[in-house]
Amino acid sequence: QVQLVESGGDLVQPGGSLRLSCAASRSVFSLAAMGWYRQAPGKQRELVATMTKGGTTNYADAAKGRFTISRDNAKNTVYLQMNSLKPEDTAVYYCNARIFAIGDYWGQGTQVTVSS
């Protein structure tokens, strides 16, 4: 059974930091490119960052220089370190696992709110 469980979302002030975590089932994590997406109210879900099994990363322009994606293969976990947070970063953040020729799996989402 595929499971992606996000955690770490919170209310934070502008300029603050958060680290999101996504724990995946072992069978998924070993095969998948992992990523983070977000969806703000009234907007479409958008890419934040991805990382392949080999460690190649890709970031949305809005995330470059502020966010860092990483993965711990021993813990089957992917992280998103978010620094210098802005109100426009407010969204539900979703963990994604993409397996070639199989498809996408999604977590349930974790709320990040950036507000003073």
C-alpha atoms as a PDB file:
ATOM      1  CA  GLN A   1       0.000   0.000   0.000  1.00  0.00           C
ATOM      2  CA  VAL A   2       1.346   3.380  -0.994  1.00  0.00           C
ATOM      3  CA  GLN A   3       1.562   5.919   1.787  1.00  0.00           C
ATOM      4  CA  LEU A   4       2.889   9.431   1.792  1.00  0.00           C
ATOM      5  CA  VAL A   5       2.513  11.231   5.091  1.00  0.00           C
ATOM      6  CA  GLU A   6       3.426  14.905   5.309  1.00  0.00           C
ATOM      7  CA  SER A   7       4.148  16.845   8.471  1.00  0.00           C
ATOM      8  CA  GLY A   8       5.653  20.130   9.532  1.00  0.00           C
ATOM      9  CA  GLY A   9       3.120  22.654   8.315  1.00  0.00           C
ATOM     10  CA  ASP A  10       2.434  25.529  10.676  1.00  0.00           C
ATOM     11  CA  LEU A  11       1.699  29.209  11.083  1.00  0.00           C
ATOM     12  CA  VAL A  12       4.899  31.238  10.759  1.00  0.00           C
ATOM     13  CA  GLN A  13       5.725  34.917  10.523  1.00  0.00           C
ATOM     14  CA  PRO A  14       7.138  36.441   7.357  1.00  0.00           C
ATOM     15  CA  GLY A  15      10.874  35.846   7.198  1.00  0.00           C
ATOM     16  CA  GLY A  16      10.596  32.676   9.238  1.00  0.00           C
ATOM     17  CA  SER A  17      11.501  29.099   8.407  1.00  0.00           C
ATOM     18  CA  LEU A  18       9.799  25.728   8.333  1.00  0.00           C
ATOM     19  CA  ARG A  19      10.856  22.220   7.454  1.00  0.00           C
ATOM     20  CA  LEU A  20       8.313  19.913   5.900  1.00  0.00           C
ATOM     21  CA  SER A  21       8.741  16.154   6.001  1.00  0.00           C
ATOM     22  CA  CYS A  22       7.189  13.411   3.921  1.00  0.00           C
ATOM     23  CA  ALA A  23       7.536   9.824   5.014  1.00  0.00           C
ATOM     24  CA  ALA A  24       6.955   7.328   2.237  1.00  0.00           C
ATOM     25  CA  SER A  25       6.440   3.612   2.175  1.00  0.00           C
ATOM     26  CA  ARG A  26       9.679   1.869   1.376  1.00  0.00           C
ATOM     27  CA  SER A  27       8.419   0.311  -1.829  1.00  0.00           C
ATOM     28  CA  VAL A  28       7.592   3.730  -3.253  1.00  0.00           C
ATOM     29  CA  PHE A  29      10.586   5.661  -2.028  1.00  0.00           C
ATOM     30  CA  SER A  30      13.127   3.330  -3.583  1.00  0.00           C
ATOM     31  CA  LEU A  31      11.599   3.754  -7.041  1.00  0.00           C
ATOM     32  CA  ALA A  32      10.353   7.297  -7.095  1.00  0.00           C
ATOM     33  CA  ALA A  33      11.410  10.767  -7.890  1.00  0.00           C
ATOM     34  CA  MET A  34      10.077  12.772  -4.971  1.00  0.00           C
ATOM     35  CA  GLY A  35       8.701  16.262  -4.989  1.00  0.00           C
ATOM     36  CA  TRP A  36       6.755  18.994  -3.292  1.00  0.00           C
ATOM     37  CA  TYR A  37       3.849  20.873  -4.780  1.00  0.00           C
ATOM     38  CA  ARG A  38       1.577  23.509  -3.314  1.00  0.00           C
ATOM     39  CA  GLN A  39      -1.904  24.824  -3.830  1.00  0.00           C
ATOM     40  CA  ALA A  40      -3.083  28.189  -2.615  1.00  0.00           C
ATOM     41  CA  PRO A  41      -6.789  29.019  -2.313  1.00  0.00           C
ATOM     42  CA  GLY A  42      -8.329  29.651  -5.717  1.00  0.00           C
ATOM     43  CA  LYS A  43      -5.173  28.614  -7.555  1.00  0.00           C
ATOM     44  CA  GLN A  44      -3.957  25.527  -9.333  1.00  0.00           C
ATOM     45  CA  ARG A  45      -1.494  23.148  -7.753  1.00  0.00           C
ATOM     46  CA  GLU A  46       2.040  24.125  -8.695  1.00  0.00           C
ATOM     47  CA  LEU A  47       5.497  22.650  -8.553  1.00  0.00           C
ATOM     48  CA  VAL A  48       7.770  23.720  -5.721  1.00  0.00           C
ATOM     49  CA  ALA A  49      10.732  21.346  -5.968  1.00  0.00           C
ATOM     50  CA  THR A  50      11.627  17.842  -7.078  1.00  0.00           C
ATOM     51  CA  MET A  51      14.503  15.465  -6.538  1.00  0.00           C
ATOM     52  CA  THR A  52      15.300  12.342  -8.538  1.00  0.00           C
ATOM     53  CA  LYS A  53      16.559   9.101  -7.033  1.00  0.00           C
ATOM     54  CA  GLY A  54      20.006  10.168  -8.125  1.00  0.00           C
ATOM     55  CA  GLY A  55      19.771  13.500  -6.357  1.00  0.00           C
ATOM     56  CA  THR A  56      19.124  15.845  -9.248  1.00  0.00           C
ATOM     57  CA  THR A  57      16.981  18.749  -8.090  1.00  0.00           C
ATOM     58  CA  ASN A  58      14.603  21.108  -9.811  1.00  0.00           C
ATOM     59  CA  TYR A  59      13.040  24.207  -8.280  1.00  0.00           C
ATOM     60  CA  ALA A  60      10.295  26.579  -9.242  1.00  0.00           C
ATOM     61  CA  ASP A  61      11.526  30.125  -9.672  1.00  0.00           C
ATOM     62  CA  ALA A  62       9.612  31.161  -6.558  1.00  0.00           C
ATOM     63  CA  ALA A  63      11.528  28.598  -4.505  1.00  0.00           C
ATOM     64  CA  LYS A  64      15.051  29.138  -5.812  1.00  0.00           C
ATOM     65  CA  GLY A  65      17.440  30.477  -3.218  1.00  0.00           C
ATOM     66  CA  ARG A  66      14.965  30.051  -0.357  1.00  0.00           C
ATOM     67  CA  PHE A  67      13.833  26.418  -0.368  1.00  0.00           C
ATOM     68  CA  THR A  68      15.902  23.240  -0.324  1.00  0.00           C
ATOM     69  CA  ILE A  69      14.659  19.752  -1.065  1.00  0.00           C
ATOM     70  CA  SER A  70      16.517  16.764   0.304  1.00  0.00           C
ATOM     71  CA  ARG A  71      15.918  13.066   0.817  1.00  0.00           C
ATOM     72  CA  ASP A  72      17.078  10.584   3.418  1.00  0.00           C
ATOM     73  CA  ASN A  73      17.063   7.197   1.759  1.00  0.00           C
ATOM     74  CA  ALA A  74      17.633   5.392   5.043  1.00  0.00           C
ATOM     75  CA  LYS A  75      14.459   6.924   6.480  1.00  0.00           C
ATOM     76  CA  ASN A  76      12.394   6.884   3.273  1.00  0.00           C
ATOM     77  CA  THR A  77      11.763  10.558   3.857  1.00  0.00           C
ATOM     78  CA  VAL A  78      11.936  13.680   1.746  1.00  0.00           C
ATOM     79  CA  TYR A  79      12.240  17.137   3.264  1.00  0.00           C
ATOM     80  CA  LEU A  80      11.559  20.677   2.184  1.00  0.00           C
ATOM     81  CA  GLN A  81      13.480  23.319   4.091  1.00  0.00           C
ATOM     82  CA  MET A  82      11.813  26.671   3.588  1.00  0.00           C
ATOM     83  CA  ASN A  83      13.567  29.869   4.603  1.00  0.00           C
ATOM     84  CA  SER A  84      12.704  33.541   4.253  1.00  0.00           C
ATOM     85  CA  LEU A  85       9.035  32.679   4.005  1.00  0.00           C
ATOM     86  CA  LYS A  86       6.647  35.176   2.455  1.00  0.00           C
ATOM     87  CA  PRO A  87       2.872  35.554   2.750  1.00  0.00           C
ATOM     88  CA  GLU A  88       2.570  34.359  -0.852  1.00  0.00           C
ATOM     89  CA  ASP A  89       4.041  31.027   0.232  1.00  0.00           C
ATOM     90  CA  THR A  90       0.826  30.334   2.108  1.00  0.00           C
ATOM     91  CA  ALA A  91      -0.687  27.142   0.689  1.00  0.00           C
ATOM     92  CA  VAL A  92      -1.342  23.499   1.277  1.00  0.00           C
ATOM     93  CA  TYR A  93       1.880  21.663   0.496  1.00  0.00           C
ATOM     94  CA  TYR A  94       1.649  18.203  -1.015  1.00  0.00           C
ATOM     95  CA  CYS A  95       4.256  15.489  -1.216  1.00  0.00           C
ATOM     96  CA  ASN A  96       4.504  13.683  -4.551  1.00  0.00           C
ATOM     97  CA  ALA A  97       6.106  10.418  -5.566  1.00  0.00           C
ATOM     98  CA  ARG A  98       6.496   9.833  -9.274  1.00  0.00           C
ATOM     99  CA  ILE A  99       7.366   6.359 -10.517  1.00  0.00           C
ATOM    100  CA  PHE A 100       8.295   5.920 -14.149  1.00  0.00           C
ATOM    101  CA  ALA A 101       5.662   4.067 -16.185  1.00  0.00           C
ATOM    102  CA  ILE A 102       3.398   3.784 -13.152  1.00  0.00           C
ATOM    103  CA  GLY A 103       2.305   7.256 -12.185  1.00  0.00           C
ATOM    104  CA  ASP A 104       1.957   9.715  -9.353  1.00  0.00           C
ATOM    105  CA  TYR A 105       1.143   9.280  -5.703  1.00  0.00           C
ATOM    106  CA  TRP A 106       0.120  12.118  -3.417  1.00  0.00           C
ATOM    107  CA  GLY A 107       0.052  12.781   0.276  1.00  0.00           C
ATOM    108  CA  GLN A 108      -2.858  14.367   2.097  1.00  0.00           C
ATOM    109  CA  GLY A 109      -1.214  17.792   2.321  1.00  0.00           C
ATOM    110  CA  THR A 110       0.023  19.999   5.123  1.00  0.00           C
ATOM    111  CA  GLN A 111      -1.005  23.615   5.652  1.00  0.00           C
ATOM    112  CA  VAL A 112       1.628  26.345   5.648  1.00  0.00           C
ATOM    113  CA  THR A 113       0.446  29.807   6.624  1.00  0.00           C
ATOM    114  CA  VAL A 114       2.784  32.791   6.539  1.00  0.00           C
ATOM    115  CA  SER A 115       1.283  35.734   8.354  1.00  0.00           C
ATOM    116  CA  SER A 116       2.100  38.301  10.988  1.00  0.00           C
END
